[in-house]
Amino acid sequence: MNEIEKGIRMTAIEVENLVKNYGSIEALRGISFAVGEGEIFGLIGPNGAGKTTALRVVSTLLEITSGTVKVFGFDVKEDPEEVRKKISYLPEEAGAYKNLSGKEYLNFMAQFYTEGRNVREMIETGILISGLEDRISDKVNTYSKGMTRKLLVARALMMEPPLAILDEPTSGLDVINSQEVRKIIKGFARKGSTVLLSSHNMLEVEFLSDRVALIGEGQILDSGSPAELKERYTAQNLEEVFMEAVAHG
């Protein structure tokens, strides 16, 4: 029994029997999971497993074939505008405006989240999160892929949304920058915000997440905390857990 089921945490995300089809292709085959407020929840699995589709549905970017998804009690189908007020979404293939400096880009994006917020403080938060220091004043077209990714993570977190949805958050980053971004995400959640992330890097998700769901071919194979799953499958890490879950599935 997890902390949500025990009633310790309020529920941030409720997904029930979610089905998403693209024509005859079944991308999600009736998945269900719940995420508690202040929790980091990871969806892990190989490319094409359905992770990104699930994130896009929660983000209101894809329509549901059947099932229900609620974010802080708001139905993504019935109340998409209310859901969008609660979330920040970072796609894996996101880009930034290359002719702007990093600071100008953060300033531009902050204008979309001005309601009840101090834009100046938001931008300063973004600059700190990015870790780009003096390079924040340089144009984005001079950034490496890793620097651009750090800027995009800063954009997603600087407004301190109740729910951050991150698709492959360390995509393109080297080991050092990946560690920095993981620390940022963990610090973000410690302030009480919720994180839903996806990755095919199972060791990374194991480090980051309070709980995870293993996805394969559009179905959830198992879920639980990394420690629970490793004990359940007598495994050393989540990669071994996933292989065992597939074999038993």
C-alpha atoms as a PDB file:
ATOM      1  CA  MET A   1       0.000   0.000   0.000  1.00  0.00           C
ATOM      2  CA  ASN A   2       1.516   3.350  -1.032  1.00  0.00           C
ATOM      3  CA  GLU A   3       1.299   6.660   0.779  1.00  0.00           C
ATOM      4  CA  ILE A   4      -1.578   7.879  -1.389  1.00  0.00           C
ATOM      5  CA  GLU A   5      -3.637   4.785  -0.544  1.00  0.00           C
ATOM      6  CA  LYS A   6      -2.857   5.342   3.136  1.00  0.00           C
ATOM      7  CA  GLY A   7      -4.208   8.874   2.813  1.00  0.00           C
ATOM      8  CA  ILE A   8      -0.941  10.526   3.853  1.00  0.00           C
ATOM      9  CA  ARG A   9      -0.648  12.515   0.649  1.00  0.00           C
ATOM     10  CA  MET A  10      -3.287  14.329  -1.348  1.00  0.00           C
ATOM     11  CA  THR A  11      -3.588  13.112  -4.926  1.00  0.00           C
ATOM     12  CA  ALA A  12      -2.093  15.304  -7.650  1.00  0.00           C
ATOM     13  CA  ILE A  13      -2.742  12.993 -10.625  1.00  0.00           C
ATOM     14  CA  GLU A  14      -5.328  10.242 -11.026  1.00  0.00           C
ATOM     15  CA  VAL A  15      -5.206   8.099 -14.156  1.00  0.00           C
ATOM     16  CA  GLU A  16      -7.867   5.407 -14.522  1.00  0.00           C
ATOM     17  CA  ASN A  17      -8.058   2.871 -17.355  1.00  0.00           C
ATOM     18  CA  LEU A  18      -6.479   5.292 -19.812  1.00  0.00           C
ATOM     19  CA  VAL A  19      -6.643   4.161 -23.425  1.00  0.00           C
ATOM     20  CA  LYS A  20      -5.109   6.127 -26.282  1.00  0.00           C
ATOM     21  CA  ASN A  21      -5.305   4.889 -29.854  1.00  0.00           C
ATOM     22  CA  TYR A  22      -3.777   6.333 -32.999  1.00  0.00           C
ATOM     23  CA  GLY A  23      -6.087   4.775 -35.564  1.00  0.00           C
ATOM     24  CA  SER A  24      -5.495   1.031 -35.264  1.00  0.00           C
ATOM     25  CA  ILE A  25      -2.388   1.506 -33.082  1.00  0.00           C
ATOM     26  CA  GLU A  26      -2.934   1.073 -29.332  1.00  0.00           C
ATOM     27  CA  ALA A  27      -0.422   3.405 -27.692  1.00  0.00           C
ATOM     28  CA  LEU A  28      -1.877   3.034 -24.177  1.00  0.00           C
ATOM     29  CA  ARG A  29      -3.903  -0.020 -23.215  1.00  0.00           C
ATOM     30  CA  GLY A  30      -5.865   0.861 -20.097  1.00  0.00           C
ATOM     31  CA  ILE A  31      -3.163   2.158 -17.753  1.00  0.00           C
ATOM     32  CA  SER A  32      -3.900   3.360 -14.219  1.00  0.00           C
ATOM     33  CA  PHE A  33      -1.698   5.140 -11.695  1.00  0.00           C
ATOM     34  CA  ALA A  34      -1.856   7.895  -9.079  1.00  0.00           C
ATOM     35  CA  VAL A  35       0.702  10.478  -8.028  1.00  0.00           C
ATOM     36  CA  GLY A  36       0.711  12.215  -4.658  1.00  0.00           C
ATOM     37  CA  GLU A  37       1.363  15.906  -4.095  1.00  0.00           C
ATOM     38  CA  GLY A  38       5.052  16.601  -3.604  1.00  0.00           C
ATOM     39  CA  GLU A  39       6.021  13.271  -5.105  1.00  0.00           C
ATOM     40  CA  ILE A  40       8.453  12.556  -7.929  1.00  0.00           C
ATOM     41  CA  PHE A  41       6.857   9.831 -10.022  1.00  0.00           C
ATOM     42  CA  GLY A  42       8.706   8.257 -12.915  1.00  0.00           C
ATOM     43  CA  LEU A  43       7.379   6.442 -15.969  1.00  0.00           C
ATOM     44  CA  ILE A  44      10.123   4.195 -17.289  1.00  0.00           C
ATOM     45  CA  GLY A  45      10.425   1.909 -20.241  1.00  0.00           C
ATOM     46  CA  PRO A  46      12.020   1.627 -23.679  1.00  0.00           C
ATOM     47  CA  ASN A  47      11.359   4.015 -26.549  1.00  0.00           C
ATOM     48  CA  GLY A  48       7.870   3.481 -27.956  1.00  0.00           C
ATOM     49  CA  ALA A  49       6.477   2.082 -24.695  1.00  0.00           C
ATOM     50  CA  GLY A  50       3.873   4.862 -24.314  1.00  0.00           C
ATOM     51  CA  LYS A  51       5.621   7.125 -21.810  1.00  0.00           C
ATOM     52  CA  THR A  52       5.480  10.308 -23.890  1.00  0.00           C
ATOM     53  CA  THR A  53       1.884   9.626 -24.913  1.00  0.00           C
ATOM     54  CA  ALA A  54       0.889   9.377 -21.244  1.00  0.00           C
ATOM     55  CA  LEU A  55       2.636  12.669 -20.433  1.00  0.00           C
ATOM     56  CA  ARG A  56       0.981  14.433 -23.345  1.00  0.00           C
ATOM     57  CA  VAL A  57      -2.446  13.235 -22.238  1.00  0.00           C
ATOM     58  CA  VAL A  58      -1.854  14.503 -18.683  1.00  0.00           C
ATOM     59  CA  SER A  59      -0.651  17.791 -20.204  1.00  0.00           C
ATOM     60  CA  THR A  60      -3.971  18.111 -22.173  1.00  0.00           C
ATOM     61  CA  LEU A  61      -2.102  17.948 -25.492  1.00  0.00           C
ATOM     62  CA  LEU A  62      -3.718  14.680 -26.621  1.00  0.00           C
ATOM     63  CA  GLU A  63      -7.354  13.647 -26.472  1.00  0.00           C
ATOM     64  CA  ILE A  64      -8.271  10.506 -24.559  1.00  0.00           C
ATOM     65  CA  THR A  65      -9.733   7.540 -26.409  1.00  0.00           C
ATOM     66  CA  SER A  66     -11.280   6.261 -23.165  1.00  0.00           C
ATOM     67  CA  GLY A  67     -10.683   6.350 -19.432  1.00  0.00           C
ATOM     68  CA  THR A  68     -10.209   9.352 -17.143  1.00  0.00           C
ATOM     69  CA  VAL A  69      -7.325  11.592 -16.122  1.00  0.00           C
ATOM     70  CA  LYS A  70      -7.566  14.189 -13.361  1.00  0.00           C
ATOM     71  CA  VAL A  71      -4.984  16.730 -12.259  1.00  0.00           C
ATOM     72  CA  PHE A  72      -5.623  18.205  -8.810  1.00  0.00           C
ATOM     73  CA  GLY A  73      -9.236  17.120  -9.238  1.00  0.00           C
ATOM     74  CA  PHE A  74      -9.715  18.718 -12.659  1.00  0.00           C
ATOM     75  CA  ASP A  75     -10.589  16.425 -15.555  1.00  0.00           C
ATOM     76  CA  VAL A  76      -8.205  16.911 -18.493  1.00  0.00           C
ATOM     77  CA  LYS A  77     -11.067  16.451 -20.943  1.00  0.00           C
ATOM     78  CA  GLU A  78     -13.720  18.536 -19.184  1.00  0.00           C
ATOM     79  CA  ASP A  79     -11.514  21.250 -17.627  1.00  0.00           C
ATOM     80  CA  PRO A  80      -8.336  21.504 -19.734  1.00  0.00           C
ATOM     81  CA  GLU A  81      -7.861  25.231 -19.043  1.00  0.00           C
ATOM     82  CA  GLU A  82      -7.862  24.637 -15.281  1.00  0.00           C
ATOM     83  CA  VAL A  83      -5.367  21.819 -15.699  1.00  0.00           C
ATOM     84  CA  ARG A  84      -3.057  24.050 -17.756  1.00  0.00           C
ATOM     85  CA  LYS A  85      -2.996  26.599 -14.929  1.00  0.00           C
ATOM     86  CA  LYS A  86      -1.496  23.927 -12.680  1.00  0.00           C
ATOM     87  CA  ILE A  87       1.203  22.486 -14.898  1.00  0.00           C
ATOM     88  CA  SER A  88       4.414  23.162 -16.762  1.00  0.00           C
ATOM     89  CA  TYR A  89       5.384  20.731 -19.517  1.00  0.00           C
ATOM     90  CA  LEU A  90       8.836  20.139 -20.966  1.00  0.00           C
ATOM     91  CA  PRO A  91       8.838  17.948 -24.096  1.00  0.00           C
ATOM     92  CA  GLU A  92      11.918  15.926 -24.969  1.00  0.00           C
ATOM     93  CA  GLU A  93      12.358  17.732 -28.281  1.00  0.00           C
ATOM     94  CA  ALA A  94      11.650  21.245 -27.004  1.00  0.00           C
ATOM     95  CA  GLY A  95      13.632  24.141 -28.432  1.00  0.00           C
ATOM     96  CA  ALA A  96      14.334  27.751 -27.513  1.00  0.00           C
ATOM     97  CA  TYR A  97      14.324  30.874 -29.678  1.00  0.00           C
ATOM     98  CA  LYS A  98      17.873  30.927 -31.026  1.00  0.00           C
ATOM     99  CA  ASN A  99      18.068  34.651 -31.746  1.00  0.00           C
ATOM    100  CA  LEU A 100      17.299  35.565 -28.137  1.00  0.00           C
ATOM    101  CA  SER A 101      19.765  35.476 -25.282  1.00  0.00           C
ATOM    102  CA  GLY A 102      19.071  32.978 -22.521  1.00  0.00           C
ATOM    103  CA  LYS A 103      17.837  35.778 -20.258  1.00  0.00           C
ATOM    104  CA  GLU A 104      15.639  37.256 -22.994  1.00  0.00           C
ATOM    105  CA  TYR A 105      14.128  33.826 -23.604  1.00  0.00           C
ATOM    106  CA  LEU A 106      13.271  33.398 -19.903  1.00  0.00           C
ATOM    107  CA  ASN A 107      11.793  36.907 -19.864  1.00  0.00           C
ATOM    108  CA  PHE A 108       9.692  36.171 -22.947  1.00  0.00           C
ATOM    109  CA  MET A 109       8.358  32.922 -21.500  1.00  0.00           C
ATOM    110  CA  ALA A 110       7.658  34.509 -18.105  1.00  0.00           C
ATOM    111  CA  GLN A 111       5.139  36.862 -19.726  1.00  0.00           C
ATOM    112  CA  PHE A 112       2.778  33.897 -20.167  1.00  0.00           C
ATOM    113  CA  TYR A 113       2.704  33.319 -16.388  1.00  0.00           C
ATOM    114  CA  THR A 114       2.272  36.821 -15.041  1.00  0.00           C
ATOM    115  CA  GLU A 115      -0.998  36.262 -13.164  1.00  0.00           C
ATOM    116  CA  GLY A 116      -0.292  36.828  -9.475  1.00  0.00           C
ATOM    117  CA  ARG A 117       3.456  36.408 -10.010  1.00  0.00           C
ATOM    118  CA  ASN A 118       6.478  38.650  -9.761  1.00  0.00           C
ATOM    119  CA  VAL A 119       8.032  38.316 -13.219  1.00  0.00           C
ATOM    120  CA  ARG A 120      11.381  39.687 -12.124  1.00  0.00           C
ATOM    121  CA  GLU A 121      11.683  37.134  -9.331  1.00  0.00           C
ATOM    122  CA  MET A 122      10.598  34.390 -11.719  1.00  0.00           C
ATOM    123  CA  ILE A 123      13.341  35.288 -14.185  1.00  0.00           C
ATOM    124  CA  GLU A 124      15.971  35.438 -11.439  1.00  0.00           C
ATOM    125  CA  THR A 125      14.837  32.004 -10.303  1.00  0.00           C
ATOM    126  CA  GLY A 126      15.180  30.739 -13.857  1.00  0.00           C
ATOM    127  CA  ILE A 127      18.694  32.146 -14.155  1.00  0.00           C
ATOM    128  CA  LEU A 128      19.741  30.401 -10.942  1.00  0.00           C
ATOM    129  CA  ILE A 129      18.173  27.112 -12.017  1.00  0.00           C
ATOM    130  CA  SER A 130      19.892  27.216 -15.404  1.00  0.00           C
ATOM    131  CA  GLY A 131      23.361  27.466 -13.901  1.00  0.00           C
ATOM    132  CA  LEU A 132      24.482  29.241 -17.070  1.00  0.00           C
ATOM    133  CA  GLU A 133      25.998  32.160 -15.128  1.00  0.00           C
ATOM    134  CA  ASP A 134      27.566  34.720 -17.529  1.00  0.00           C
ATOM    135  CA  ARG A 135      26.462  32.722 -20.584  1.00  0.00           C
ATOM    136  CA  ILE A 136      22.834  33.581 -19.774  1.00  0.00           C
ATOM    137  CA  SER A 137      23.411  36.858 -21.666  1.00  0.00           C
ATOM    138  CA  ASP A 138      24.639  35.095 -24.800  1.00  0.00           C
ATOM    139  CA  LYS A 139      22.370  34.127 -27.672  1.00  0.00           C
ATOM    140  CA  VAL A 140      20.846  30.677 -27.566  1.00  0.00           C
ATOM    141  CA  ASN A 141      22.319  29.896 -30.983  1.00  0.00           C
ATOM    142  CA  THR A 142      25.765  29.868 -29.342  1.00  0.00           C
ATOM    143  CA  TYR A 143      24.714  27.253 -26.746  1.00  0.00           C
ATOM    144  CA  SER A 144      25.574  23.580 -26.813  1.00  0.00           C
ATOM    145  CA  LYS A 145      22.688  21.094 -26.729  1.00  0.00           C
ATOM    146  CA  GLY A 146      23.327  20.578 -23.030  1.00  0.00           C
ATOM    147  CA  MET A 147      23.246  24.302 -22.257  1.00  0.00           C
ATOM    148  CA  THR A 148      19.993  24.681 -24.183  1.00  0.00           C
ATOM    149  CA  ARG A 149      18.469  21.808 -22.247  1.00  0.00           C
ATOM    150  CA  LYS A 150      19.404  23.410 -18.930  1.00  0.00           C
ATOM    151  CA  LEU A 151      17.767  26.646 -20.094  1.00  0.00           C
ATOM    152  CA  LEU A 152      14.604  24.730 -20.997  1.00  0.00           C
ATOM    153  CA  VAL A 153      14.513  22.965 -17.623  1.00  0.00           C
ATOM    154  CA  ALA A 154      14.853  26.392 -15.995  1.00  0.00           C
ATOM    155  CA  ARG A 155      11.925  27.647 -18.074  1.00  0.00           C
ATOM    156  CA  ALA A 156       9.779  24.727 -16.949  1.00  0.00           C
ATOM    157  CA  LEU A 157      10.552  25.158 -13.241  1.00  0.00           C
ATOM    158  CA  MET A 158      11.020  28.908 -12.786  1.00  0.00           C
ATOM    159  CA  MET A 159       7.299  29.591 -12.327  1.00  0.00           C
ATOM    160  CA  GLU A 160       7.227  26.898  -9.614  1.00  0.00           C
ATOM    161  CA  PRO A 161       4.145  25.115 -10.992  1.00  0.00           C
ATOM    162  CA  PRO A 162       2.203  22.754  -8.725  1.00  0.00           C
ATOM    163  CA  LEU A 163       2.983  20.019 -11.279  1.00  0.00           C
ATOM    164  CA  ALA A 164       6.028  19.809 -13.543  1.00  0.00           C
ATOM    165  CA  ILE A 165       5.791  17.272 -16.363  1.00  0.00           C
ATOM    166  CA  LEU A 166       9.241  16.473 -17.726  1.00  0.00           C
ATOM    167  CA  ASP A 167       9.879  14.213 -20.719  1.00  0.00           C
ATOM    168  CA  GLU A 168      13.485  12.958 -20.688  1.00  0.00           C
ATOM    169  CA  PRO A 169      14.628  15.956 -18.587  1.00  0.00           C
ATOM    170  CA  THR A 170      18.364  15.295 -18.978  1.00  0.00           C
ATOM    171  CA  SER A 171      18.254  14.570 -22.707  1.00  0.00           C
ATOM    172  CA  GLY A 172      21.514  15.694 -24.312  1.00  0.00           C
ATOM    173  CA  LEU A 173      23.304  16.450 -21.046  1.00  0.00           C
ATOM    174  CA  ASP A 174      26.669  15.074 -20.029  1.00  0.00           C
ATOM    175  CA  VAL A 175      27.190  13.354 -16.668  1.00  0.00           C
ATOM    176  CA  ILE A 176      28.002  16.522 -14.706  1.00  0.00           C
ATOM    177  CA  ASN A 177      25.116  18.571 -16.112  1.00  0.00           C
ATOM    178  CA  SER A 178      22.749  15.616 -15.669  1.00  0.00           C
ATOM    179  CA  GLN A 179      23.615  15.447 -11.987  1.00  0.00           C
ATOM    180  CA  GLU A 180      22.996  19.184 -11.624  1.00  0.00           C
ATOM    181  CA  VAL A 181      19.576  18.919 -13.253  1.00  0.00           C
ATOM    182  CA  ARG A 182      18.640  15.961 -11.030  1.00  0.00           C
ATOM    183  CA  LYS A 183      19.535  17.998  -7.944  1.00  0.00           C
ATOM    184  CA  ILE A 184      17.388  20.860  -9.243  1.00  0.00           C
ATOM    185  CA  ILE A 185      14.411  18.546  -9.769  1.00  0.00           C
ATOM    186  CA  LYS A 186      14.778  17.014  -6.312  1.00  0.00           C
ATOM    187  CA  GLY A 187      15.020  20.458  -4.728  1.00  0.00           C
ATOM    188  CA  PHE A 188      11.943  21.576  -6.648  1.00  0.00           C
ATOM    189  CA  ALA A 189       9.922  18.638  -5.259  1.00  0.00           C
ATOM    190  CA  ARG A 190      11.165  19.243  -1.698  1.00  0.00           C
ATOM    191  CA  LYS A 191       9.411  22.618  -1.816  1.00  0.00           C
ATOM    192  CA  GLY A 192       6.111  20.737  -2.158  1.00  0.00           C
ATOM    193  CA  SER A 193       5.666  20.655  -5.919  1.00  0.00           C
ATOM    194  CA  THR A 194       4.905  17.449  -7.812  1.00  0.00           C
ATOM    195  CA  VAL A 195       6.971  16.003 -10.653  1.00  0.00           C
ATOM    196  CA  LEU A 196       5.863  13.510 -13.288  1.00  0.00           C
ATOM    197  CA  LEU A 197       8.757  12.493 -15.491  1.00  0.00           C
ATOM    198  CA  SER A 198       9.558   9.910 -18.104  1.00  0.00           C
ATOM    199  CA  SER A 199      12.844   8.412 -19.172  1.00  0.00           C
ATOM    200  CA  HIS A 200      14.320   5.367 -20.834  1.00  0.00           C
ATOM    201  CA  ASN A 201      17.288   5.848 -18.480  1.00  0.00           C
ATOM    202  CA  MET A 202      16.099   3.597 -15.683  1.00  0.00           C
ATOM    203  CA  LEU A 203      19.079   4.208 -13.425  1.00  0.00           C
ATOM    204  CA  GLU A 204      18.417   7.946 -13.572  1.00  0.00           C
ATOM    205  CA  VAL A 205      14.753   7.491 -12.681  1.00  0.00           C
ATOM    206  CA  GLU A 206      15.725   5.175  -9.839  1.00  0.00           C
ATOM    207  CA  PHE A 207      17.871   7.963  -8.387  1.00  0.00           C
ATOM    208  CA  LEU A 208      15.209  10.645  -8.834  1.00  0.00           C
ATOM    209  CA  SER A 209      11.855   9.041  -8.113  1.00  0.00           C
ATOM    210  CA  ASP A 210       9.871   8.281  -4.983  1.00  0.00           C
ATOM    211  CA  ARG A 211       7.836   5.782  -6.995  1.00  0.00           C
ATOM    212  CA  VAL A 212       7.915   4.491 -10.546  1.00  0.00           C
ATOM    213  CA  ALA A 213       5.700   2.680 -13.018  1.00  0.00           C
ATOM    214  CA  LEU A 214       7.226   0.297 -15.531  1.00  0.00           C
ATOM    215  CA  ILE A 215       5.639   0.625 -18.981  1.00  0.00           C
ATOM    216  CA  GLY A 216       5.988  -1.821 -21.837  1.00  0.00           C
ATOM    217  CA  GLU A 217       3.960  -1.837 -25.047  1.00  0.00           C
ATOM    218  CA  GLY A 218       1.366   0.560 -23.663  1.00  0.00           C
ATOM    219  CA  GLN A 219       0.739  -1.330 -20.438  1.00  0.00           C
ATOM    220  CA  ILE A 220       1.939  -0.852 -16.873  1.00  0.00           C
ATOM    221  CA  LEU A 221       3.865  -3.945 -15.915  1.00  0.00           C
ATOM    222  CA  ASP A 222       4.367  -3.038 -12.254  1.00  0.00           C
ATOM    223  CA  SER A 223       4.788  -0.046  -9.958  1.00  0.00           C
ATOM    224  CA  GLY A 224       6.150   0.870  -6.564  1.00  0.00           C
ATOM    225  CA  SER A 225       9.138   2.524  -4.966  1.00  0.00           C
ATOM    226  CA  PRO A 226      12.519   1.556  -6.446  1.00  0.00           C
ATOM    227  CA  ALA A 227      13.380  -0.270  -3.217  1.00  0.00           C
ATOM    228  CA  GLU A 228      10.104  -2.231  -3.243  1.00  0.00           C
ATOM    229  CA  LEU A 229      10.530  -3.249  -6.865  1.00  0.00           C
ATOM    230  CA  LYS A 230      14.135  -4.356  -6.432  1.00  0.00           C
ATOM    231  CA  GLU A 231      13.136  -6.466  -3.445  1.00  0.00           C
ATOM    232  CA  ARG A 232      10.110  -7.918  -5.260  1.00  0.00           C
ATOM    233  CA  TYR A 233      12.209  -9.074  -8.214  1.00  0.00           C
ATOM    234  CA  THR A 234      15.432  -9.766  -6.290  1.00  0.00           C
ATOM    235  CA  ALA A 235      17.179  -7.278  -8.557  1.00  0.00           C
ATOM    236  CA  GLN A 236      20.154  -4.948  -8.207  1.00  0.00           C
ATOM    237  CA  ASN A 237      18.607  -2.068 -10.136  1.00  0.00           C
ATOM    238  CA  LEU A 238      15.520  -1.031 -12.105  1.00  0.00           C
ATOM    239  CA  GLU A 239      16.965  -2.238 -15.390  1.00  0.00           C
ATOM    240  CA  GLU A 240      16.999  -5.755 -13.962  1.00  0.00           C
ATOM    241  CA  VAL A 241      13.526  -5.190 -12.503  1.00  0.00           C
ATOM    242  CA  PHE A 242      12.193  -4.198 -15.916  1.00  0.00           C
ATOM    243  CA  MET A 243      13.665  -7.246 -17.622  1.00  0.00           C
ATOM    244  CA  GLU A 244      12.147  -9.514 -14.985  1.00  0.00           C
ATOM    245  CA  ALA A 245       8.780  -7.760 -15.203  1.00  0.00           C
ATOM    246  CA  VAL A 246       8.740  -8.243 -18.973  1.00  0.00           C
ATOM    247  CA  ALA A 247       9.642 -11.912 -18.569  1.00  0.00           C
ATOM    248  CA  HIS A 248       6.867 -12.439 -16.013  1.00  0.00           C
ATOM    249  CA  GLY A 249       4.366 -10.377 -18.003  1.00  0.00           C
END
